[in-house]
Each structure stands twice: as C-alpha cells, then as structure tokens.
C-alpha cells in the first residue's frame, strides 16, 4: 500500500514538473501575455510587434565588434539615424523568408536617415552568413555574434535569444521604440518606421 502511494506521488510530481517546465520554456503564464513585466514597458510573448511611447523607451547598449565581412562596427556611430536592428541566422527559415523584405525596405529608406544593422547569431562559420547575405542582396552590415553575447547585452524583455528572427527599431536618440519577435513583411516594417521618420 505504501509503495503504491509513493509511486503515485512520484508520478504526480513528475507530471507537475513537466507542466511547469513547459510553461517556462513557452514563456507563457496565466497573465503574461498582454501585460508588461516590471518597468521594461514591453509586452511579453512572441509573435508580437510592440511599440513603446517616447517617454518610456530604454537606451540600446552600444554594442560593437566585427562584422560578417570583417569590418568594425559600433552601434553609436549611427546615432541621429533611425536604426533597424535585426537578429538572424543563415540556418533560420523565417530569417530567409523575411530577408528580401528587409533588403527592399533598407534600400528604399537609406536616403531617409534609416540604417539597417544585422546581428548574425549561431552561425559558427562566417561562410554561411556571407552566403546568406549574397543570396538575399543584403547590403547593410551585420555584426558576427555566433555565441549571442551581443544579444544578451540588451535590456530584459527586448531582444530574446530564444526568438530568432527578432527586430528592434531604435529612434534617433538610440532608444528602443519598437520590438518585433517575429518574421516581418515589407508593409509591416514600413508601418513600424513611419512614425519615427515623421519626427525629425
């Protein structure tokens, strides 16, 4: 009798542990979706585009390093411009799907004070990242970040290392104005940029 009860208790604990683990991995709790966390002013969850009011924006860290092409890049060099910061990997199917849209909008807006910057992550060989850029006519620079160390420098609940692609739009002061934890289409990207381009 005692053995049966103990076995039943172990099974119950294992099931409870699995449920908690699944919730942690999915990032979903009862009231997380649609509510802000702490003072980050970002809505949790993936698949969303979140716009942040001007007075509540956080500054992006001044990340710097070597690009996929071997050049040096420092994010603060683009202060005064609207920056679209896209996290991608050559191995990522949604990244391949959104790449033509990013390339098109980058080309169309470069004369309007918009600078696109990529963060290439989890590509252990630069050759794969370079091939991706060639395939999709990506002309803007991408920091090479195979270990994800640059992503981890961003404030909590802004860029998620588990969600690739992720895109941030920084205003002209280098503050995070928009966050997208999803694949972006051309029209959606243009809509994200419009209000920031209107304010010079």
Protein backbone atom coordinates (compact mmCIF):
# COMPACT_ATOMS: atom_id res chain seq x y z
CA UNK A 1 0.00 0.00 0.00
CA UNK A 2 2.80 2.39 0.95
CA UNK A 3 4.69 1.56 -2.25
CA UNK A 4 1.63 2.27 -4.40
CA UNK A 5 1.08 5.62 -2.65
CA UNK A 6 4.76 6.60 -3.02
CA UNK A 7 4.76 5.61 -6.69
CA UNK A 8 1.57 7.64 -7.27
CA UNK A 9 3.19 10.67 -5.52
CA UNK A 10 6.31 10.39 -7.71
CA UNK A 11 4.18 10.22 -10.86
CA UNK A 12 2.18 13.29 -9.79
CA UNK A 13 5.38 15.24 -9.05
CA UNK A 14 6.87 14.27 -12.42
CA UNK A 15 3.75 15.43 -14.27
CA UNK A 16 3.67 18.71 -12.32
CA UNK A 17 7.35 19.26 -13.07
CA UNK A 18 6.79 18.65 -16.77
CA UNK A 19 3.90 21.15 -16.86
CA UNK A 20 5.94 23.85 -15.08
CA UNK A 21 8.89 23.18 -17.41
CA UNK A 22 6.67 23.55 -20.46
CA UNK A 23 5.30 26.86 -19.20
CA UNK A 24 8.79 28.20 -18.55
CA UNK A 25 10.02 27.14 -21.99
CA UNK A 26 6.99 28.58 -23.76
CA UNK A 27 7.29 31.86 -21.86
CA UNK A 28 3.55 31.83 -21.16
CA UNK A 29 1.98 32.24 -17.75
CA UNK A 30 -1.61 32.99 -16.88
CA UNK A 31 -1.29 36.75 -17.18
CA UNK A 32 1.97 37.34 -19.02
CA UNK A 33 0.57 37.78 -22.50
CA UNK A 34 -0.60 41.32 -22.95
CA UNK A 35 0.80 42.69 -19.69
CA UNK A 36 4.05 44.49 -19.12
CA UNK A 37 6.79 43.00 -16.97
CA UNK A 38 8.46 45.17 -14.34
CA UNK A 39 9.42 48.58 -15.71
CA UNK A 40 10.50 47.38 -19.16
CA UNK A 41 7.27 48.59 -20.81
CA UNK A 42 7.45 45.68 -23.26
CA UNK A 43 4.67 43.19 -23.74
CA UNK A 44 5.86 39.64 -23.17
CA UNK A 45 5.30 36.80 -25.56
CA UNK A 46 6.41 36.14 -29.11
CA UNK A 47 4.80 36.88 -32.44
CA UNK A 48 4.01 40.44 -31.41
CA UNK A 49 5.07 43.89 -32.51
CA UNK A 50 5.31 46.22 -29.51
CA UNK A 51 5.56 49.99 -29.81
CA UNK A 52 6.95 51.96 -26.87
CA UNK A 53 5.87 55.56 -26.10
CA UNK A 54 8.70 58.07 -26.30
CA UNK A 55 8.89 58.79 -22.56
CA UNK A 56 9.19 55.11 -21.67
CA UNK A 57 11.90 53.99 -24.08
CA UNK A 58 15.13 52.36 -22.93
CA UNK A 59 18.52 53.08 -24.46
CA UNK A 60 20.03 50.31 -26.55
CA UNK A 61 23.51 49.19 -25.44
CA UNK A 62 26.39 50.48 -27.53
CA UNK A 63 27.39 47.11 -28.93
CA UNK A 64 30.43 46.92 -31.17
CA UNK A 65 32.58 44.33 -32.85
CA UNK A 66 33.49 42.68 -36.11
CA UNK A 67 31.00 42.29 -38.92
CA UNK A 68 30.40 39.22 -41.05
CA UNK A 69 32.59 40.92 -43.69
CA UNK A 70 35.44 41.59 -41.24
CA UNK A 71 34.85 45.32 -40.76
CA UNK A 72 34.43 47.10 -37.43
CA UNK A 73 31.01 48.34 -36.35
CA UNK A 74 29.82 50.39 -33.38
CA UNK A 75 26.09 50.96 -32.91
CA UNK A 76 26.54 54.51 -31.56
CA UNK A 77 28.09 55.55 -34.89
CA UNK A 78 24.52 55.63 -36.22
CA UNK A 79 23.15 57.97 -33.53
CA UNK A 80 20.90 60.55 -35.20
CA UNK A 81 19.52 57.95 -37.60
CA UNK A 82 16.63 55.53 -37.16
CA UNK A 83 18.24 52.09 -36.80
CA UNK A 84 16.57 48.80 -37.67
CA UNK A 85 18.41 46.07 -35.77
CA UNK A 86 17.62 42.56 -37.00
CA UNK A 87 18.83 39.31 -35.38
CA UNK A 88 19.20 36.50 -37.90
CA UNK A 89 20.93 33.24 -38.73
CA UNK A 90 21.52 31.56 -42.08
CA UNK A 91 20.02 28.35 -40.63
CA UNK A 92 16.72 30.08 -39.73
CA UNK A 93 13.79 29.55 -42.15
CA UNK A 94 11.80 32.66 -41.01
CA UNK A 95 15.00 34.72 -41.44
CA UNK A 96 15.25 33.55 -45.04
CA UNK A 97 11.57 34.41 -45.57
CA UNK A 98 11.90 37.98 -44.24
CA UNK A 99 15.34 38.76 -45.74
CA UNK A 100 14.04 40.04 -49.13
CA UNK A 101 11.62 42.38 -47.31
CA UNK A 102 14.39 43.76 -45.08
CA UNK A 103 16.71 44.25 -48.07
CA UNK A 104 13.99 46.11 -50.03
CA UNK A 105 13.00 48.44 -47.19
CA UNK A 106 16.67 49.09 -46.33
CA UNK A 107 17.33 50.14 -49.93
CA UNK A 108 14.19 52.30 -50.13
CA UNK A 109 14.79 54.16 -46.84
CA UNK A 110 18.57 54.67 -46.75
CA UNK A 111 18.17 58.24 -48.06
CA UNK A 112 15.61 59.00 -45.33
CA UNK A 113 18.02 58.58 -42.42
CA UNK A 114 17.39 54.88 -41.79
CA UNK A 115 20.27 52.46 -41.16
CA UNK A 116 19.76 48.71 -41.07
CA UNK A 117 22.14 46.63 -38.97
CA UNK A 118 22.07 42.87 -38.55
CA UNK A 119 23.26 40.66 -35.73
CA UNK A 120 24.18 37.28 -37.17
CA UNK A 121 23.95 34.63 -34.47
CA UNK A 122 24.61 30.89 -34.04
CA UNK A 123 26.41 30.64 -37.39
CA UNK A 124 29.70 29.02 -36.40
CA UNK A 125 31.14 29.55 -39.88
CA UNK A 126 31.17 33.04 -41.41
CA UNK A 127 30.96 31.46 -44.87
CA UNK A 128 27.31 30.52 -44.21
CA UNK A 129 26.47 34.07 -43.13
CA UNK A 130 28.22 35.56 -46.18
CA UNK A 131 26.36 33.19 -48.50
CA UNK A 132 23.07 34.28 -46.89
CA UNK A 133 23.89 37.96 -47.47
CA UNK A 134 24.79 37.29 -51.11
CA UNK A 135 21.65 35.22 -51.72
CA UNK A 136 19.31 37.94 -50.45
CA UNK A 137 21.25 41.03 -51.59
CA UNK A 138 21.83 42.21 -48.03
CA UNK A 139 23.97 45.34 -48.40
CA UNK A 140 23.83 46.56 -44.81
CA UNK A 141 26.38 45.39 -42.20
CA UNK A 142 25.82 42.59 -39.69
CA UNK A 143 27.76 42.04 -36.50
CA UNK A 144 29.07 38.49 -36.29
CA UNK A 145 27.81 37.10 -32.98
CA UNK A 146 27.95 33.29 -33.05
CA UNK A 147 27.61 32.93 -29.27
CA UNK A 148 24.82 35.51 -28.82
CA UNK A 149 26.87 37.72 -26.46
CA UNK A 150 25.66 40.94 -28.12
CA UNK A 151 22.00 39.90 -27.79
CA UNK A 152 22.44 39.31 -24.06
CA UNK A 153 23.62 42.92 -23.56
CA UNK A 154 20.16 44.27 -24.36
CA UNK A 155 17.72 45.08 -21.55
CA UNK A 156 15.47 42.26 -20.34
CA UNK A 157 12.40 41.61 -22.49
CA UNK A 158 13.73 43.48 -25.52
CA UNK A 159 15.70 41.03 -27.66
CA UNK A 160 15.11 37.38 -26.89
CA UNK A 161 17.97 34.96 -27.63
CA UNK A 162 15.33 32.24 -28.00
CA UNK A 163 13.36 34.14 -30.65
CA UNK A 164 15.09 34.42 -34.00
CA UNK A 165 14.38 36.46 -36.01
CA UNK A 166 13.91 39.41 -33.68
CA UNK A 167 13.91 43.05 -34.76
CA UNK A 168 14.28 46.29 -32.82
CA UNK A 169 13.79 49.78 -34.20
CA UNK A 170 15.82 52.46 -32.44
CA UNK A 171 14.80 56.10 -32.57
CA UNK A 172 17.26 58.86 -33.47
CA UNK A 173 18.40 59.04 -29.82
CA UNK A 174 19.37 55.37 -29.81
CA UNK A 175 16.37 54.29 -27.72
CA UNK A 176 14.25 51.21 -28.39
CA UNK A 177 10.99 52.37 -29.97
CA UNK A 178 9.67 49.12 -31.46
CA UNK A 179 10.25 45.42 -30.84
CA UNK A 180 9.13 42.54 -33.07
CA UNK A 181 9.60 38.92 -32.03
CA UNK A 182 8.51 37.52 -35.36
CA UNK A 183 9.19 37.36 -39.07
CA UNK A 184 8.39 40.72 -40.67
CA UNK A 185 6.82 41.54 -44.01
CA UNK A 186 7.60 44.64 -46.05
CA UNK A 187 4.38 46.54 -45.26
CA UNK A 188 4.62 45.81 -41.55
CA UNK A 189 8.21 47.05 -41.46
CA UNK A 190 7.30 50.26 -43.28
CA UNK A 191 4.46 50.86 -40.80
CA UNK A 192 6.92 50.48 -37.91
CA UNK A 193 9.22 53.11 -39.42
CA UNK A 194 6.62 55.69 -40.47
CA UNK A 195 6.04 57.43 -37.11
CA UNK A 196 9.77 57.64 -36.41
CA UNK A 197 10.57 59.11 -39.82
CA UNK A 198 7.85 61.74 -39.37
CA UNK A 199 9.61 63.13 -36.26
CA UNK A 200 12.94 64.77 -37.16
